[in-house]
C-alpha atoms as a PDB file:
ATOM      1  CA  UNK A   1      61.146 183.606 124.339  1.00  0.00           C
ATOM      2  CA  UNK A   2      60.359 183.681 128.041  1.00  0.00           C
ATOM      3  CA  UNK A   3      56.851 184.925 127.225  1.00  0.00           C
ATOM      4  CA  UNK A   4      56.352 182.132 124.703  1.00  0.00           C
ATOM      5  CA  UNK A   5      57.557 179.546 127.202  1.00  0.00           C
ATOM      6  CA  UNK A   6      55.314 181.027 129.925  1.00  0.00           C
ATOM      7  CA  UNK A   7      52.269 181.101 127.626  1.00  0.00           C
ATOM      8  CA  UNK A   8      52.872 177.456 126.758  1.00  0.00           C
ATOM      9  CA  UNK A   9      53.358 176.509 130.397  1.00  0.00           C
ATOM     10  CA  UNK A  10      50.174 178.326 131.416  1.00  0.00           C
ATOM     11  CA  UNK A  11      48.235 176.373 128.831  1.00  0.00           C
ATOM     12  CA  UNK A  12      49.824 172.948 129.456  1.00  0.00           C
ATOM     13  CA  UNK A  13      49.716 173.031 133.244  1.00  0.00           C
ATOM     14  CA  UNK A  14      45.957 173.536 133.356  1.00  0.00           C
ATOM     15  CA  UNK A  15      45.575 169.894 132.292  1.00  0.00           C
ATOM     16  CA  UNK A  16      46.366 166.762 134.317  1.00  0.00           C
ATOM     17  CA  UNK A  17      48.361 165.154 131.506  1.00  0.00           C
ATOM     18  CA  UNK A  18      51.068 167.855 131.608  1.00  0.00           C
ATOM     19  CA  UNK A  19      54.020 167.727 129.262  1.00  0.00           C
ATOM     20  CA  UNK A  20      54.663 164.738 127.042  1.00  0.00           C
ATOM     21  CA  UNK A  21      57.774 162.642 127.483  1.00  0.00           C
ATOM     22  CA  UNK A  22      60.902 163.740 125.562  1.00  0.00           C
ATOM     23  CA  UNK A  23      60.405 160.857 123.127  1.00  0.00           C
ATOM     24  CA  UNK A  24      56.785 161.895 122.452  1.00  0.00           C
ATOM     25  CA  UNK A  25      57.827 165.519 121.959  1.00  0.00           C
ATOM     26  CA  UNK A  26      60.567 164.577 119.530  1.00  0.00           C
ATOM     27  CA  UNK A  27      58.047 162.539 117.551  1.00  0.00           C
ATOM     28  CA  UNK A  28      55.621 165.481 117.628  1.00  0.00           C
ATOM     29  CA  UNK A  29      58.336 167.916 116.521  1.00  0.00           C
ATOM     30  CA  UNK A  30      59.256 165.616 113.640  1.00  0.00           C
ATOM     31  CA  UNK A  31      55.598 165.458 112.652  1.00  0.00           C
ATOM     32  CA  UNK A  32      55.229 169.251 112.746  1.00  0.00           C
ATOM     33  CA  UNK A  33      58.387 169.811 110.689  1.00  0.00           C
ATOM     34  CA  UNK A  34      57.024 167.307 108.179  1.00  0.00           C
ATOM     35  CA  UNK A  35      53.788 169.282 107.921  1.00  0.00           C
ATOM     36  CA  UNK A  36      55.779 172.460 107.224  1.00  0.00           C
ATOM     37  CA  UNK A  37      57.839 170.634 104.608  1.00  0.00           C
ATOM     38  CA  UNK A  38      54.708 169.331 102.950  1.00  0.00           C
ATOM     39  CA  UNK A  39      53.159 172.797 102.779  1.00  0.00           C
ATOM     40  CA  UNK A  40      56.373 174.322 101.386  1.00  0.00           C
ATOM     41  CA  UNK A  41      56.467 171.588  98.759  1.00  0.00           C
ATOM     42  CA  UNK A  42      52.843 172.265  97.817  1.00  0.00           C
ATOM     43  CA  UNK A  43      53.246 176.034  97.589  1.00  0.00           C
ATOM     44  CA  UNK A  44      56.754 176.291  96.124  1.00  0.00           C
ATOM     45  CA  UNK A  45      57.686 172.850  94.863  1.00  0.00           C
ATOM     46  CA  UNK A  46      56.512 170.547  92.131  1.00  0.00           C
ATOM     47  CA  UNK A  47      53.991 168.590  94.215  1.00  0.00           C
ATOM     48  CA  UNK A  48      50.676 170.415  94.160  1.00  0.00           C
ATOM     49  CA  UNK A  49      47.790 169.677  96.512  1.00  0.00           C
ATOM     50  CA  UNK A  50      44.843 167.563  95.524  1.00  0.00           C
ATOM     51  CA  UNK A  51      41.684 169.531  94.855  1.00  0.00           C
ATOM     52  CA  UNK A  52      40.186 168.109  98.048  1.00  0.00           C
ATOM     53  CA  UNK A  53      43.052 169.378 100.243  1.00  0.00           C
ATOM     54  CA  UNK A  54      42.888 172.788 101.884  1.00  0.00           C
ATOM     55  CA  UNK A  55      45.892 175.083 101.682  1.00  0.00           C
ATOM     56  CA  UNK A  56      47.456 175.744 105.074  1.00  0.00           C
ATOM     57  CA  UNK A  57      49.221 178.839 106.325  1.00  0.00           C
ATOM     58  CA  UNK A  58      52.998 178.377 106.383  1.00  0.00           C
ATOM     59  CA  UNK A  59      53.133 180.675 109.418  1.00  0.00           C
ATOM     60  CA  UNK A  60      50.707 178.405 111.287  1.00  0.00           C
ATOM     61  CA  UNK A  61      52.930 175.421 110.560  1.00  0.00           C
ATOM     62  CA  UNK A  62      55.969 177.346 111.838  1.00  0.00           C
ATOM     63  CA  UNK A  63      54.055 178.361 114.970  1.00  0.00           C
ATOM     64  CA  UNK A  64      53.215 174.689 115.615  1.00  0.00           C
ATOM     65  CA  UNK A  65      56.959 174.003 115.576  1.00  0.00           C
ATOM     66  CA  UNK A  66      57.642 176.876 117.980  1.00  0.00           C
ATOM     67  CA  UNK A  67      54.924 175.590 120.314  1.00  0.00           C
ATOM     68  CA  UNK A  68      56.387 172.089 120.294  1.00  0.00           C
ATOM     69  CA  UNK A  69      59.947 173.343 120.861  1.00  0.00           C
ATOM     70  CA  UNK A  70      58.607 175.464 123.741  1.00  0.00           C
ATOM     71  CA  UNK A  71      56.956 172.394 125.266  1.00  0.00           C
ATOM     72  CA  UNK A  72      60.189 170.476 124.883  1.00  0.00           C
ATOM     73  CA  UNK A  73      62.214 173.250 126.522  1.00  0.00           C
ATOM     74  CA  UNK A  74      59.771 173.657 129.406  1.00  0.00           C
ATOM     75  CA  UNK A  75      59.638 169.942 130.106  1.00  0.00           C
ATOM     76  CA  UNK A  76      63.444 169.796 130.221  1.00  0.00           C
ATOM     77  CA  UNK A  77      63.747 173.084 132.171  1.00  0.00           C
ATOM     78  CA  UNK A  78      65.700 174.775 129.358  1.00  0.00           C
ATOM     79  CA  UNK A  79      65.860 178.570 129.088  1.00  0.00           C
ATOM     80  CA  UNK A  80      65.553 179.169 125.344  1.00  0.00           C
ATOM     81  CA  UNK A  81      66.574 182.836 125.695  1.00  0.00           C
ATOM     82  CA  UNK A  82      69.930 181.770 127.119  1.00  0.00           C
ATOM     83  CA  UNK A  83      70.541 179.166 124.456  1.00  0.00           C
ATOM     84  CA  UNK A  84      69.331 181.357 121.584  1.00  0.00           C
ATOM     85  CA  UNK A  85      71.770 184.059 122.729  1.00  0.00           C
ATOM     86  CA  UNK A  86      74.569 181.495 122.488  1.00  0.00           C
ATOM     87  CA  UNK A  87      73.529 180.682 118.919  1.00  0.00           C
ATOM     88  CA  UNK A  88      73.480 184.361 117.927  1.00  0.00           C
ATOM     89  CA  UNK A  89      76.853 184.953 119.606  1.00  0.00           C
ATOM     90  CA  UNK A  90      78.189 182.077 117.511  1.00  0.00           C
ATOM     91  CA  UNK A  91      76.730 183.624 114.342  1.00  0.00           C
ATOM     92  CA  UNK A  92      78.267 187.025 115.057  1.00  0.00           C
ATOM     93  CA  UNK A  93      81.536 185.505 116.306  1.00  0.00           C
ATOM     94  CA  UNK A  94      82.659 182.331 114.606  1.00  0.00           C
ATOM     95  CA  UNK A  95      80.590 182.822 111.451  1.00  0.00           C
ATOM     96  CA  UNK A  96      81.061 186.584 110.969  1.00  0.00           C
ATOM     97  CA  UNK A  97      83.370 186.138 107.943  1.00  0.00           C
ATOM     98  CA  UNK A  98      81.723 183.001 106.613  1.00  0.00           C
ATOM     99  CA  UNK A  99      79.427 184.646 104.063  1.00  0.00           C
ATOM    100  CA  UNK A 100      79.876 187.503 101.626  1.00  0.00           C
ATOM    101  CA  UNK A 101      78.415 190.702 103.024  1.00  0.00           C
ATOM    102  CA  UNK A 102      76.063 193.010 101.165  1.00  0.00           C
ATOM    103  CA  UNK A 103      77.508 196.276  99.923  1.00  0.00           C
ATOM    104  CA  UNK A 104      76.284 199.092 102.139  1.00  0.00           C
END
């Protein structure tokens, strides 16, 4: 994730405005998650798009979320690699017996 965070920082820091405030980023993240939810609902749920609406790529919506989380992390000086490792350690530690395993 260091590369993602660096790519984001390289892009953001070329502009005077810089990173948004934490409140603005949280609002932006909420907006982006809503756009992903809307697209999932259109493609897999009961609510279909209007004929005038273009279908969006679910991957693009996910990438918007990653970008926003990267901005958030950079602005708060958070190393996402470190924190993601903690999450995975938790999955393989605390949650290792939580779900039924596939037969191998």
